[in-house]
Amino acid sequence: MLDLDLQREWRELIARLETQFGEGLDLDAVLFLVGVQELGQGYRTFKKNEKTDLMHIAICRLLMPYGYYEYEGMDADGWPHYTELAKLPKLNPNQQSLLMKEALLDYFKSAELLN
């Protein structure tokens, strides 16, 4: 995906999500939302360590189609777990951000939340 297309689609995704969740969403907030969605327990107040775990769940889920993670299953508390299949290449912060945005766009498109 070209960088300009990615940025345009990212702005469109953020605009759609902000109508539902309020203004001021950034990459971390969207990752958190995906983590909550993938956990499947609905929204509630999460502890600090649970918020970190939710971000990890989101990243693993988003990078699954890229071959970096594989879904392992749920633990006794209903939290999903993933197995790392491949190490991510060393990426600078901008490259990491672009990869996550592209993965998020793919995620929302596959869920048919974006055209």
PDB file of N, CA and C in Angstrom:
ATOM      1  N   MET A   1       0.857  -1.173   0.000  1.00  0.00           N
ATOM      2  CA  MET A   1       0.000   0.000   0.000  1.00  0.00           C
ATOM      3  C   MET A   1       0.899   1.230   0.000  1.00  0.00           C
ATOM      4  N   LEU A   2       0.606   2.164  -0.848  1.00  0.00           N
ATOM      5  CA  LEU A   2       1.383   3.394  -0.893  1.00  0.00           C
ATOM      6  C   LEU A   2       1.163   4.194   0.374  1.00  0.00           C
ATOM      7  N   ASP A   3       2.199   4.897   0.773  1.00  0.00           N
ATOM      8  CA  ASP A   3       2.146   5.658   2.025  1.00  0.00           C
ATOM      9  C   ASP A   3       0.991   6.664   2.036  1.00  0.00           C
ATOM     10  N   LEU A   4       0.760   7.354   0.913  1.00  0.00           N
ATOM     11  CA  LEU A   4      -0.329   8.335   0.867  1.00  0.00           C
ATOM     12  C   LEU A   4      -1.687   7.656   1.000  1.00  0.00           C
ATOM     13  N   ASP A   5      -1.863   6.506   0.349  1.00  0.00           N
ATOM     14  CA  ASP A   5      -3.110   5.758   0.480  1.00  0.00           C
ATOM     15  C   ASP A   5      -3.305   5.285   1.908  1.00  0.00           C
ATOM     16  N   LEU A   6      -2.239   4.795   2.511  1.00  0.00           N
ATOM     17  CA  LEU A   6      -2.306   4.321   3.885  1.00  0.00           C
ATOM     18  C   LEU A   6      -2.720   5.447   4.822  1.00  0.00           C
ATOM     19  N   GLN A   7      -2.116   6.607   4.667  1.00  0.00           N
ATOM     20  CA  GLN A   7      -2.451   7.737   5.546  1.00  0.00           C
ATOM     21  C   GLN A   7      -3.898   8.181   5.349  1.00  0.00           C
ATOM     22  N   ARG A   8      -4.370   8.192   4.102  1.00  0.00           N
ATOM     23  CA  ARG A   8      -5.758   8.576   3.829  1.00  0.00           C
ATOM     24  C   ARG A   8      -6.714   7.568   4.473  1.00  0.00           C
ATOM     25  N   GLU A   9      -6.447   6.276   4.258  1.00  0.00           N
ATOM     26  CA  GLU A   9      -7.308   5.245   4.839  1.00  0.00           C
ATOM     27  C   GLU A   9      -7.256   5.268   6.359  1.00  0.00           C
ATOM     28  N   TRP A  10      -6.084   5.559   6.916  1.00  0.00           N
ATOM     29  CA  TRP A  10      -5.942   5.639   8.368  1.00  0.00           C
ATOM     30  C   TRP A  10      -6.809   6.775   8.917  1.00  0.00           C
ATOM     31  N   ARG A  11      -6.759   7.932   8.261  1.00  0.00           N
ATOM     32  CA  ARG A  11      -7.588   9.070   8.706  1.00  0.00           C
ATOM     33  C   ARG A  11      -9.074   8.709   8.630  1.00  0.00           C
ATOM     34  N   GLU A  12      -9.479   7.996   7.585  1.00  0.00           N
ATOM     35  CA  GLU A  12     -10.879   7.581   7.452  1.00  0.00           C
ATOM     36  C   GLU A  12     -11.274   6.618   8.566  1.00  0.00           C
ATOM     37  N   LEU A  13     -10.391   5.674   8.883  1.00  0.00           N
ATOM     38  CA  LEU A  13     -10.671   4.736   9.979  1.00  0.00           C
ATOM     39  C   LEU A  13     -10.815   5.479  11.300  1.00  0.00           C
ATOM     40  N   ILE A  14      -9.886   6.370  11.578  1.00  0.00           N
ATOM     41  CA  ILE A  14      -9.940   7.134  12.831  1.00  0.00           C
ATOM     42  C   ILE A  14     -11.234   7.942  12.901  1.00  0.00           C
ATOM     43  N   ALA A  15     -11.622   8.577  11.810  1.00  0.00           N
ATOM     44  CA  ALA A  15     -12.857   9.370  11.795  1.00  0.00           C
ATOM     45  C   ALA A  15     -14.064   8.494  12.106  1.00  0.00           C
ATOM     46  N   ARG A  16     -14.111   7.292  11.526  1.00  0.00           N
ATOM     47  CA  ARG A  16     -15.226   6.375  11.797  1.00  0.00           C
ATOM     48  C   ARG A  16     -15.241   5.938  13.253  1.00  0.00           C
ATOM     49  N   LEU A  17     -14.073   5.580  13.770  1.00  0.00           N
ATOM     50  CA  LEU A  17     -14.007   5.124  15.163  1.00  0.00           C
ATOM     51  C   LEU A  17     -14.322   6.246  16.137  1.00  0.00           C
ATOM     52  N   GLU A  18     -13.913   7.465  15.806  1.00  0.00           N
ATOM     53  CA  GLU A  18     -14.177   8.589  16.707  1.00  0.00           C
ATOM     54  C   GLU A  18     -15.663   8.916  16.794  1.00  0.00           C
ATOM     55  N   THR A  19     -16.427   8.625  15.747  1.00  0.00           N
ATOM     56  CA  THR A  19     -17.874   8.852  15.857  1.00  0.00           C
ATOM     57  C   THR A  19     -18.498   7.911  16.876  1.00  0.00           C
ATOM     58  N   GLN A  20     -17.883   6.747  17.059  1.00  0.00           N
ATOM     59  CA  GLN A  20     -18.418   5.769  18.006  1.00  0.00           C
ATOM     60  C   GLN A  20     -17.792   5.884  19.393  1.00  0.00           C
ATOM     61  N   PHE A  21     -16.488   6.196  19.457  1.00  0.00           N
ATOM     62  CA  PHE A  21     -15.774   6.148  20.730  1.00  0.00           C
ATOM     63  C   PHE A  21     -15.304   7.498  21.246  1.00  0.00           C
ATOM     64  N   GLY A  22     -15.497   8.553  20.489  1.00  0.00           N
ATOM     65  CA  GLY A  22     -15.078   9.879  20.924  1.00  0.00           C
ATOM     66  C   GLY A  22     -13.783  10.303  20.260  1.00  0.00           C
ATOM     67  N   GLU A  23     -13.549  11.587  20.301  1.00  0.00           N
ATOM     68  CA  GLU A  23     -12.382  12.158  19.626  1.00  0.00           C
ATOM     69  C   GLU A  23     -11.091  11.875  20.371  1.00  0.00           C
ATOM     70  N   GLY A  24     -10.000  12.031  19.626  1.00  0.00           N
ATOM     71  CA  GLY A  24      -8.686  11.921  20.231  1.00  0.00           C
ATOM     72  C   GLY A  24      -8.060  10.544  20.149  1.00  0.00           C
ATOM     73  N   LEU A  25      -8.583   9.672  19.292  1.00  0.00           N
ATOM     74  CA  LEU A  25      -8.011   8.341  19.180  1.00  0.00           C
ATOM     75  C   LEU A  25      -6.673   8.386  18.451  1.00  0.00           C
ATOM     76  N   ASP A  26      -5.743   7.594  18.954  1.00  0.00           N
ATOM     77  CA  ASP A  26      -4.453   7.453  18.297  1.00  0.00           C
ATOM     78  C   ASP A  26      -4.192   5.965  18.093  1.00  0.00           C
ATOM     79  N   LEU A  27      -3.016   5.634  17.602  1.00  0.00           N
ATOM     80  CA  LEU A  27      -2.676   4.250  17.312  1.00  0.00           C
ATOM     81  C   LEU A  27      -2.836   3.356  18.543  1.00  0.00           C
ATOM     82  N   ASP A  28      -2.330   3.795  19.681  1.00  0.00           N
ATOM     83  CA  ASP A  28      -2.434   2.985  20.899  1.00  0.00           C
ATOM     84  C   ASP A  28      -3.887   2.764  21.314  1.00  0.00           C
ATOM     85  N   ALA A  29      -4.711   3.781  21.162  1.00  0.00           N
ATOM     86  CA  ALA A  29      -6.130   3.645  21.524  1.00  0.00           C
ATOM     87  C   ALA A  29      -6.819   2.622  20.622  1.00  0.00           C
ATOM     88  N   VAL A  30      -6.485   2.624  19.342  1.00  0.00           N
ATOM     89  CA  VAL A  30      -7.099   1.667  18.420  1.00  0.00           C
ATOM     90  C   VAL A  30      -6.603   0.260  18.730  1.00  0.00           C
ATOM     91  N   LEU A  31      -5.323   0.124  19.072  1.00  0.00           N
ATOM     92  CA  LEU A  31      -4.807  -1.185  19.479  1.00  0.00           C
ATOM     93  C   LEU A  31      -5.548  -1.686  20.720  1.00  0.00           C
ATOM     94  N   PHE A  32      -5.788  -0.810  21.666  1.00  0.00           N
ATOM     95  CA  PHE A  32      -6.537  -1.167  22.868  1.00  0.00           C
ATOM     96  C   PHE A  32      -7.938  -1.663  22.499  1.00  0.00           C
ATOM     97  N   LEU A  33      -8.618  -0.947  21.600  1.00  0.00           N
ATOM     98  CA  LEU A  33      -9.956  -1.347  21.175  1.00  0.00           C
ATOM     99  C   LEU A  33      -9.951  -2.734  20.532  1.00  0.00           C
ATOM    100  N   VAL A  34      -8.946  -3.003  19.705  1.00  0.00           N
ATOM    101  CA  VAL A  34      -8.836  -4.318  19.072  1.00  0.00           C
ATOM    102  C   VAL A  34      -8.590  -5.379  20.139  1.00  0.00           C
ATOM    103  N   GLY A  35      -7.749  -5.070  21.116  1.00  0.00           N
ATOM    104  CA  GLY A  35      -7.492  -6.011  22.200  1.00  0.00           C
ATOM    105  C   GLY A  35      -8.760  -6.358  22.972  1.00  0.00           C
ATOM    106  N   VAL A  36      -9.563  -5.346  23.261  1.00  0.00           N
ATOM    107  CA  VAL A  36     -10.835  -5.572  23.964  1.00  0.00           C
ATOM    108  C   VAL A  36     -11.754  -6.430  23.097  1.00  0.00           C
ATOM    109  N   GLN A  37     -11.808  -6.125  21.810  1.00  0.00           N
ATOM    110  CA  GLN A  37     -12.638  -6.902  20.883  1.00  0.00           C
ATOM    111  C   GLN A  37     -12.192  -8.357  20.840  1.00  0.00           C
ATOM    112  N   GLU A  38     -10.894  -8.575  20.736  1.00  0.00           N
ATOM    113  CA  GLU A  38     -10.368  -9.936  20.626  1.00  0.00           C
ATOM    114  C   GLU A  38     -10.503 -10.710  21.934  1.00  0.00           C
ATOM    115  N   LEU A  39     -10.466 -10.008  23.059  1.00  0.00           N
ATOM    116  CA  LEU A  39     -10.684 -10.663  24.349  1.00  0.00           C
ATOM    117  C   LEU A  39     -12.112 -11.193  24.423  1.00  0.00           C
ATOM    118  N   GLY A  40     -13.042 -10.397  23.889  1.00  0.00           N
ATOM    119  CA  GLY A  40     -14.422 -10.858  23.793  1.00  0.00           C
ATOM    120  C   GLY A  40     -15.215 -10.842  25.083  1.00  0.00           C
ATOM    121  N   GLN A  41     -14.764 -10.094  26.054  1.00  0.00           N
ATOM    122  CA  GLN A  41     -15.472 -10.034  27.337  1.00  0.00           C
ATOM    123  C   GLN A  41     -16.206  -8.714  27.523  1.00  0.00           C
ATOM    124  N   GLY A  42     -16.261  -7.892  26.486  1.00  0.00           N
ATOM    125  CA  GLY A  42     -16.902  -6.595  26.589  1.00  0.00           C
ATOM    126  C   GLY A  42     -16.014  -5.600  27.306  1.00  0.00           C
ATOM    127  N   TYR A  43     -16.457  -4.348  27.311  1.00  0.00           N
ATOM    128  CA  TYR A  43     -15.654  -3.322  27.959  1.00  0.00           C
ATOM    129  C   TYR A  43     -15.927  -3.331  29.450  1.00  0.00           C
ATOM    130  N   ARG A  44     -14.874  -3.149  30.198  1.00  0.00           N
ATOM    131  CA  ARG A  44     -14.952  -3.001  31.647  1.00  0.00           C
ATOM    132  C   ARG A  44     -13.725  -2.214  32.060  1.00  0.00           C
ATOM    133  N   THR A  45     -13.574  -1.963  33.314  1.00  0.00           N
ATOM    134  CA  THR A  45     -12.374  -1.292  33.792  1.00  0.00           C
ATOM    135  C   THR A  45     -11.255  -2.331  33.862  1.00  0.00           C
ATOM    136  N   PHE A  46     -10.156  -2.021  33.208  1.00  0.00           N
ATOM    137  CA  PHE A  46      -9.022  -2.937  33.187  1.00  0.00           C
ATOM    138  C   PHE A  46      -7.895  -2.394  34.053  1.00  0.00           C
ATOM    139  N   LYS A  47      -7.183  -3.296  34.707  1.00  0.00           N
ATOM    140  CA  LYS A  47      -6.005  -2.928  35.475  1.00  0.00           C
ATOM    141  C   LYS A  47      -4.888  -2.570  34.499  1.00  0.00           C
ATOM    142  N   LYS A  48      -3.859  -1.903  35.013  1.00  0.00           N
ATOM    143  CA  LYS A  48      -2.761  -1.461  34.157  1.00  0.00           C
ATOM    144  C   LYS A  48      -2.117  -2.643  33.426  1.00  0.00           C
ATOM    145  N   ASN A  49      -1.854  -3.738  34.126  1.00  0.00           N
ATOM    146  CA  ASN A  49      -1.216  -4.890  33.478  1.00  0.00           C
ATOM    147  C   ASN A  49      -2.150  -5.529  32.450  1.00  0.00           C
ATOM    148  N   GLU A  50      -3.466  -5.469  32.689  1.00  0.00           N
ATOM    149  CA  GLU A  50      -4.418  -6.004  31.720  1.00  0.00           C
ATOM    150  C   GLU A  50      -4.433  -5.151  30.449  1.00  0.00           C
ATOM    151  N   LYS A  51      -4.280  -3.847  30.608  1.00  0.00           N
ATOM    152  CA  LYS A  51      -4.221  -2.959  29.435  1.00  0.00           C
ATOM    153  C   LYS A  51      -3.012  -3.303  28.577  1.00  0.00           C
ATOM    154  N   THR A  52      -1.888  -3.574  29.218  1.00  0.00           N
ATOM    155  CA  THR A  52      -0.688  -3.991  28.489  1.00  0.00           C
ATOM    156  C   THR A  52      -0.940  -5.317  27.784  1.00  0.00           C
ATOM    157  N   ASP A  53      -1.586  -6.240  28.471  1.00  0.00           N
ATOM    158  CA  ASP A  53      -1.915  -7.534  27.873  1.00  0.00           C
ATOM    159  C   ASP A  53      -2.859  -7.374  26.684  1.00  0.00           C
ATOM    160  N   LEU A  54      -3.816  -6.453  26.782  1.00  0.00           N
ATOM    161  CA  LEU A  54      -4.741  -6.208  25.675  1.00  0.00           C
ATOM    162  C   LEU A  54      -4.009  -5.683  24.443  1.00  0.00           C
ATOM    163  N   MET A  55      -3.038  -4.813  24.670  1.00  0.00           N
ATOM    164  CA  MET A  55      -2.237  -4.294  23.552  1.00  0.00           C
ATOM    165  C   MET A  55      -1.460  -5.437  22.916  1.00  0.00           C
ATOM    166  N   HIS A  56      -0.925  -6.337  23.730  1.00  0.00           N
ATOM    167  CA  HIS A  56      -0.175  -7.478  23.215  1.00  0.00           C
ATOM    168  C   HIS A  56      -1.091  -8.402  22.402  1.00  0.00           C
ATOM    169  N   ILE A  57      -2.288  -8.642  22.900  1.00  0.00           N
ATOM    170  CA  ILE A  57      -3.264  -9.459  22.181  1.00  0.00           C
ATOM    171  C   ILE A  57      -3.540  -8.842  20.810  1.00  0.00           C
ATOM    172  N   ALA A  58      -3.748  -7.545  20.792  1.00  0.00           N
ATOM    173  CA  ALA A  58      -4.042  -6.856  19.528  1.00  0.00           C
ATOM    174  C   ALA A  58      -2.883  -7.000  18.551  1.00  0.00           C
ATOM    175  N   ILE A  59      -1.676  -6.770  19.020  1.00  0.00           N
ATOM    176  CA  ILE A  59      -0.509  -6.851  18.139  1.00  0.00           C
ATOM    177  C   ILE A  59      -0.355  -8.263  17.584  1.00  0.00           C
ATOM    178  N   CYS A  60      -0.490  -9.262  18.441  1.00  0.00           N
ATOM    179  CA  CYS A  60      -0.384 -10.650  17.979  1.00  0.00           C
ATOM    180  C   CYS A  60      -1.456 -10.958  16.942  1.00  0.00           C
ATOM    181  N   ARG A  61      -2.686 -10.566  17.229  1.00  0.00           N
ATOM    182  CA  ARG A  61      -3.793 -10.829  16.302  1.00  0.00           C
ATOM    183  C   ARG A  61      -3.571 -10.126  14.967  1.00  0.00           C
ATOM    184  N   LEU A  62      -3.110  -8.886  15.028  1.00  0.00           N
ATOM    185  CA  LEU A  62      -2.913  -8.107  13.810  1.00  0.00           C
ATOM    186  C   LEU A  62      -1.772  -8.649  12.955  1.00  0.00           C
ATOM    187  N   LEU A  63      -0.760  -9.210  13.597  1.00  0.00           N
ATOM    188  CA  LEU A  63       0.399  -9.706  12.857  1.00  0.00           C
ATOM    189  C   LEU A  63       0.279 -11.178  12.476  1.00  0.00           C
ATOM    190  N   MET A  64      -0.812 -11.827  12.882  1.00  0.00           N
ATOM    191  CA  MET A  64      -1.048 -13.214  12.484  1.00  0.00           C
ATOM    192  C   MET A  64      -1.053 -13.389  10.965  1.00  0.00           C
ATOM    193  N   PRO A  65      -1.810 -12.578  10.230  1.00  0.00           N
ATOM    194  CA  PRO A  65      -1.847 -12.765   8.774  1.00  0.00           C
ATOM    195  C   PRO A  65      -0.488 -12.540   8.095  1.00  0.00           C
ATOM    196  N   TYR A  66       0.413 -11.881   8.779  1.00  0.00           N
ATOM    197  CA  TYR A  66       1.748 -11.621   8.233  1.00  0.00           C
ATOM    198  C   TYR A  66       2.718 -12.764   8.556  1.00  0.00           C
ATOM    199  N   GLY A  67       2.237 -13.753   9.288  1.00  0.00           N
ATOM    200  CA  GLY A  67       3.053 -14.925   9.590  1.00  0.00           C
ATOM    201  C   GLY A  67       3.941 -14.804  10.814  1.00  0.00           C
ATOM    202  N   TYR A  68       3.712 -13.801  11.651  1.00  0.00           N
ATOM    203  CA  TYR A  68       4.548 -13.608  12.835  1.00  0.00           C
ATOM    204  C   TYR A  68       4.016 -14.336  14.067  1.00  0.00           C
ATOM    205  N   TYR A  69       2.708 -14.547  14.126  1.00  0.00           N
ATOM    206  CA  TYR A  69       2.097 -15.201  15.279  1.00  0.00           C
ATOM    207  C   TYR A  69       1.057 -16.206  14.817  1.00  0.00           C
ATOM    208  N   GLU A  70       0.777 -17.144  15.714  1.00  0.00           N
ATOM    209  CA  GLU A  70      -0.262 -18.144  15.481  1.00  0.00           C
ATOM    210  C   GLU A  70      -1.120 -18.204  16.742  1.00  0.00           C
ATOM    211  N   TYR A  71      -2.426 -18.287  16.548  1.00  0.00           N
ATOM    212  CA  TYR A  71      -3.337 -18.387  17.684  1.00  0.00           C
ATOM    213  C   TYR A  71      -3.149 -19.735  18.356  1.00  0.00           C
ATOM    214  N   GLU A  72      -2.950 -19.705  19.665  1.00  0.00           N
ATOM    215  CA  GLU A  72      -2.707 -20.921  20.444  1.00  0.00           C
ATOM    216  C   GLU A  72      -3.978 -21.418  21.113  1.00  0.00           C
ATOM    217  N   GLY A  73      -4.772 -20.498  21.641  1.00  0.00           N
ATOM    218  CA  GLY A  73      -6.009 -20.856  22.329  1.00  0.00           C
ATOM    219  C   GLY A  73      -6.247 -19.943  23.520  1.00  0.00           C
ATOM    220  N   MET A  74      -7.320 -20.227  24.223  1.00  0.00           N
ATOM    221  CA  MET A  74      -7.701 -19.434  25.398  1.00  0.00           C
ATOM    222  C   MET A  74      -7.189 -20.099  26.670  1.00  0.00           C
ATOM    223  N   ASP A  75      -6.831 -19.254  27.637  1.00  0.00           N
ATOM    224  CA  ASP A  75      -6.458 -19.809  28.936  1.00  0.00           C
ATOM    225  C   ASP A  75      -7.721 -19.987  29.780  1.00  0.00           C
ATOM    226  N   ALA A  76      -7.553 -20.427  31.008  1.00  0.00           N
ATOM    227  CA  ALA A  76      -8.692 -20.708  31.893  1.00  0.00           C
ATOM    228  C   ALA A  76      -9.523 -19.461  32.200  1.00  0.00           C
ATOM    229  N   ASP A  77      -8.896 -18.285  32.101  1.00  0.00           N
ATOM    230  CA  ASP A  77      -9.609 -17.032  32.369  1.00  0.00           C
ATOM    231  C   ASP A  77     -10.227 -16.427  31.114  1.00  0.00           C
ATOM    232  N   GLY A  78     -10.095 -17.121  29.987  1.00  0.00           N
ATOM    233  CA  GLY A  78     -10.688 -16.629  28.746  1.00  0.00           C
ATOM    234  C   GLY A  78      -9.834 -15.644  27.972  1.00  0.00           C
ATOM    235  N   TRP A  79      -8.534 -15.598  28.280  1.00  0.00           N
ATOM    236  CA  TRP A  79      -7.635 -14.689  27.563  1.00  0.00           C
ATOM    237  C   TRP A  79      -6.952 -15.453  26.433  1.00  0.00           C
ATOM    238  N   PRO A  80      -6.941 -14.887  25.220  1.00  0.00           N
ATOM    239  CA  PRO A  80      -6.290 -15.557  24.099  1.00  0.00           C
ATOM    240  C   PRO A  80      -4.769 -15.527  24.229  1.00  0.00           C
ATOM    241  N   HIS A  81      -4.145 -16.577  23.716  1.00  0.00           N
ATOM    242  CA  HIS A  81      -2.683 -16.662  23.710  1.00  0.00           C
ATOM    243  C   HIS A  81      -2.203 -16.996  22.306  1.00  0.00           C
ATOM    244  N   TYR A  82      -1.018 -16.490  21.995  1.00  0.00           N
ATOM    245  CA  TYR A  82      -0.433 -16.652  20.670  1.00  0.00           C
ATOM    246  C   TYR A  82       0.988 -17.183  20.802  1.00  0.00           C
ATOM    247  N   THR A  83       1.411 -17.904  19.774  1.00  0.00           N
ATOM    248  CA  THR A  83       2.777 -18.392  19.695  1.00  0.00           C
ATOM    249  C   THR A  83       3.502 -17.572  18.639  1.00  0.00           C
ATOM    250  N   GLU A  84       4.697 -17.123  18.972  1.00  0.00           N
ATOM    251  CA  GLU A  84       5.499 -16.380  17.999  1.00  0.00           C
ATOM    252  C   GLU A  84       6.079 -17.367  16.992  1.00  0.00           C
ATOM    253  N   LEU A  85       5.847 -17.102  15.705  1.00  0.00           N
ATOM    254  CA  LEU A  85       6.360 -17.960  14.645  1.00  0.00           C
ATOM    255  C   LEU A  85       7.640 -17.416  14.027  1.00  0.00           C
ATOM    256  N   ALA A  86       7.758 -16.104  14.006  1.00  0.00           N
ATOM    257  CA  ALA A  86       8.929 -15.461  13.400  1.00  0.00           C
ATOM    258  C   ALA A  86       9.187 -14.146  14.114  1.00  0.00           C
ATOM    259  N   LYS A  87      10.441 -13.792  14.198  1.00  0.00           N
ATOM    260  CA  LYS A  87      10.823 -12.506  14.789  1.00  0.00           C
ATOM    261  C   LYS A  87      10.524 -11.391  13.797  1.00  0.00           C
ATOM    262  N   LEU A  88      10.037 -10.295  14.320  1.00  0.00           N
ATOM    263  CA  LEU A  88       9.855  -9.112  13.483  1.00  0.00           C
ATOM    264  C   LEU A  88      11.225  -8.558  13.112  1.00  0.00           C
ATOM    265  N   PRO A  89      11.347  -8.022  11.920  1.00  0.00           N
ATOM    266  CA  PRO A  89      12.614  -7.377  11.569  1.00  0.00           C
ATOM    267  C   PRO A  89      12.794  -6.117  12.414  1.00  0.00           C
ATOM    268  N   LYS A  90      14.021  -5.670  12.531  1.00  0.00           N
ATOM    269  CA  LYS A  90      14.265  -4.422  13.256  1.00  0.00           C
ATOM    270  C   LYS A  90      13.654  -3.275  12.462  1.00  0.00           C
ATOM    271  N   LEU A  91      12.764  -2.557  13.113  1.00  0.00           N
ATOM    272  CA  LEU A  91      12.072  -1.445  12.478  1.00  0.00           C
ATOM    273  C   LEU A  91      12.251  -0.200  13.325  1.00  0.00           C
ATOM    274  N   ASN A  92      12.400   0.931  12.667  1.00  0.00           N
ATOM    275  CA  ASN A  92      12.444   2.182  13.420  1.00  0.00           C
ATOM    276  C   ASN A  92      11.009   2.533  13.825  1.00  0.00           C
ATOM    277  N   PRO A  93      10.829   3.485  14.725  1.00  0.00           N
ATOM    278  CA  PRO A  93       9.474   3.807  15.206  1.00  0.00           C
ATOM    279  C   PRO A  93       8.490   4.152  14.090  1.00  0.00           C
ATOM    280  N   ASN A  94       8.936   4.864  13.071  1.00  0.00           N
ATOM    281  CA  ASN A  94       8.047   5.215  11.964  1.00  0.00           C
ATOM    282  C   ASN A  94       7.620   3.964  11.200  1.00  0.00           C
ATOM    283  N   GLN A  95       8.551   3.060  10.951  1.00  0.00           N
ATOM    284  CA  GLN A  95       8.230   1.809  10.265  1.00  0.00           C
ATOM    285  C   GLN A  95       7.282   0.945  11.093  1.00  0.00           C
ATOM    286  N   GLN A  96       7.489   0.924  12.411  1.00  0.00           N
ATOM    287  CA  GLN A  96       6.591   0.175  13.295  1.00  0.00           C
ATOM    288  C   GLN A  96       5.173   0.734  13.211  1.00  0.00           C
ATOM    289  N   SER A  97       5.082   2.052  13.240  1.00  0.00           N
ATOM    290  CA  SER A  97       3.791   2.716  13.167  1.00  0.00           C
ATOM    291  C   SER A  97       3.087   2.397  11.846  1.00  0.00           C
ATOM    292  N   LEU A  98       3.815   2.451  10.758  1.00  0.00           N
ATOM    293  CA  LEU A  98       3.230   2.151   9.449  1.00  0.00           C
ATOM    294  C   LEU A  98       2.762   0.696   9.367  1.00  0.00           C
ATOM    295  N   LEU A  99       3.558  -0.223   9.891  1.00  0.00           N
ATOM    296  CA  LEU A  99       3.173  -1.636   9.892  1.00  0.00           C
ATOM    297  C   LEU A  99       1.893  -1.838  10.698  1.00  0.00           C
ATOM    298  N   MET A 100       1.807  -1.236  11.865  1.00  0.00           N
ATOM    299  CA  MET A 100       0.615  -1.394  12.705  1.00  0.00           C
ATOM    300  C   MET A 100      -0.604  -0.762  12.043  1.00  0.00           C
ATOM    301  N   LYS A 101      -0.429   0.394  11.433  1.00  0.00           N
ATOM    302  CA  LYS A 101      -1.562   1.037  10.757  1.00  0.00           C
ATOM    303  C   LYS A 101      -2.052   0.176   9.601  1.00  0.00           C
ATOM    304  N   GLU A 102      -1.128  -0.370   8.815  1.00  0.00           N
ATOM    305  CA  GLU A 102      -1.514  -1.231   7.705  1.00  0.00           C
ATOM    306  C   GLU A 102      -2.232  -2.483   8.219  1.00  0.00           C
ATOM    307  N   ALA A 103      -1.707  -3.076   9.284  1.00  0.00           N
ATOM    308  CA  ALA A 103      -2.330  -4.267   9.861  1.00  0.00           C
ATOM    309  C   ALA A 103      -3.717  -3.944  10.419  1.00  0.00           C
ATOM    310  N   LEU A 104      -3.860  -2.793  11.051  1.00  0.00           N
ATOM    311  CA  LEU A 104      -5.170  -2.390  11.574  1.00  0.00           C
ATOM    312  C   LEU A 104      -6.158  -2.169  10.439  1.00  0.00           C
ATOM    313  N   LEU A 105      -5.729  -1.528   9.375  1.00  0.00           N
ATOM    314  CA  LEU A 105      -6.616  -1.326   8.235  1.00  0.00           C
ATOM    315  C   LEU A 105      -7.055  -2.670   7.656  1.00  0.00           C
ATOM    316  N   ASP A 106      -6.122  -3.605   7.529  1.00  0.00           N
ATOM    317  CA  ASP A 106      -6.467  -4.946   7.044  1.00  0.00           C
ATOM    318  C   ASP A 106      -7.471  -5.620   7.976  1.00  0.00           C
ATOM    319  N   TYR A 107      -7.266  -5.470   9.279  1.00  0.00           N
ATOM    320  CA  TYR A 107      -8.150  -6.073  10.282  1.00  0.00           C
ATOM    321  C   TYR A 107      -9.578  -5.537  10.138  1.00  0.00           C
ATOM    322  N   PHE A 108      -9.707  -4.230  10.056  1.00  0.00           N
ATOM    323  CA  PHE A 108     -11.035  -3.640   9.959  1.00  0.00           C
ATOM    324  C   PHE A 108     -11.680  -3.931   8.610  1.00  0.00           C
ATOM    325  N   LYS A 109     -10.880  -4.032   7.548  1.00  0.00           N
ATOM    326  CA  LYS A 109     -11.436  -4.404   6.245  1.00  0.00           C
ATOM    327  C   LYS A 109     -11.938  -5.842   6.280  1.00  0.00           C
ATOM    328  N   SER A 110     -11.175  -6.745   6.891  1.00  0.00           N
ATOM    329  CA  SER A 110     -11.593  -8.148   6.938  1.00  0.00           C
ATOM    330  C   SER A 110     -12.835  -8.320   7.803  1.00  0.00           C
ATOM    331  N   ALA A 111     -13.022  -7.439   8.763  1.00  0.00           N
ATOM    332  CA  ALA A 111     -14.232  -7.477   9.594  1.00  0.00           C
ATOM    333  C   ALA A 111     -15.373  -6.731   8.915  1.00  0.00           C
ATOM    334  N   GLU A 112     -15.114  -6.278   7.689  1.00  0.00           N
ATOM    335  CA  GLU A 112     -16.072  -5.543   6.886  1.00  0.00           C
ATOM    336  C   GLU A 112     -16.569  -4.272   7.567  1.00  0.00           C
ATOM    337  N   LEU A 113     -15.669  -3.656   8.316  1.00  0.00           N
ATOM    338  CA  LEU A 113     -15.995  -2.380   8.942  1.00  0.00           C
ATOM    339  C   LEU A 113     -15.486  -1.210   8.109  1.00  0.00           C
ATOM    340  N   LEU A 114     -14.679  -1.536   7.097  1.00  0.00           N
ATOM    341  CA  LEU A 114     -14.202  -0.540   6.144  1.00  0.00           C
ATOM    342  C   LEU A 114     -14.434  -1.080   4.754  1.00  0.00           C
ATOM    343  N   ASN A 115     -14.693  -0.192   3.805  1.00  0.00           N
ATOM    344  CA  ASN A 115     -14.873  -0.630   2.416  1.00  0.00           C
ATOM    345  C   ASN A 115     -13.539  -0.873   1.762  1.00  0.00           C
TER     346      ASN A 115
END
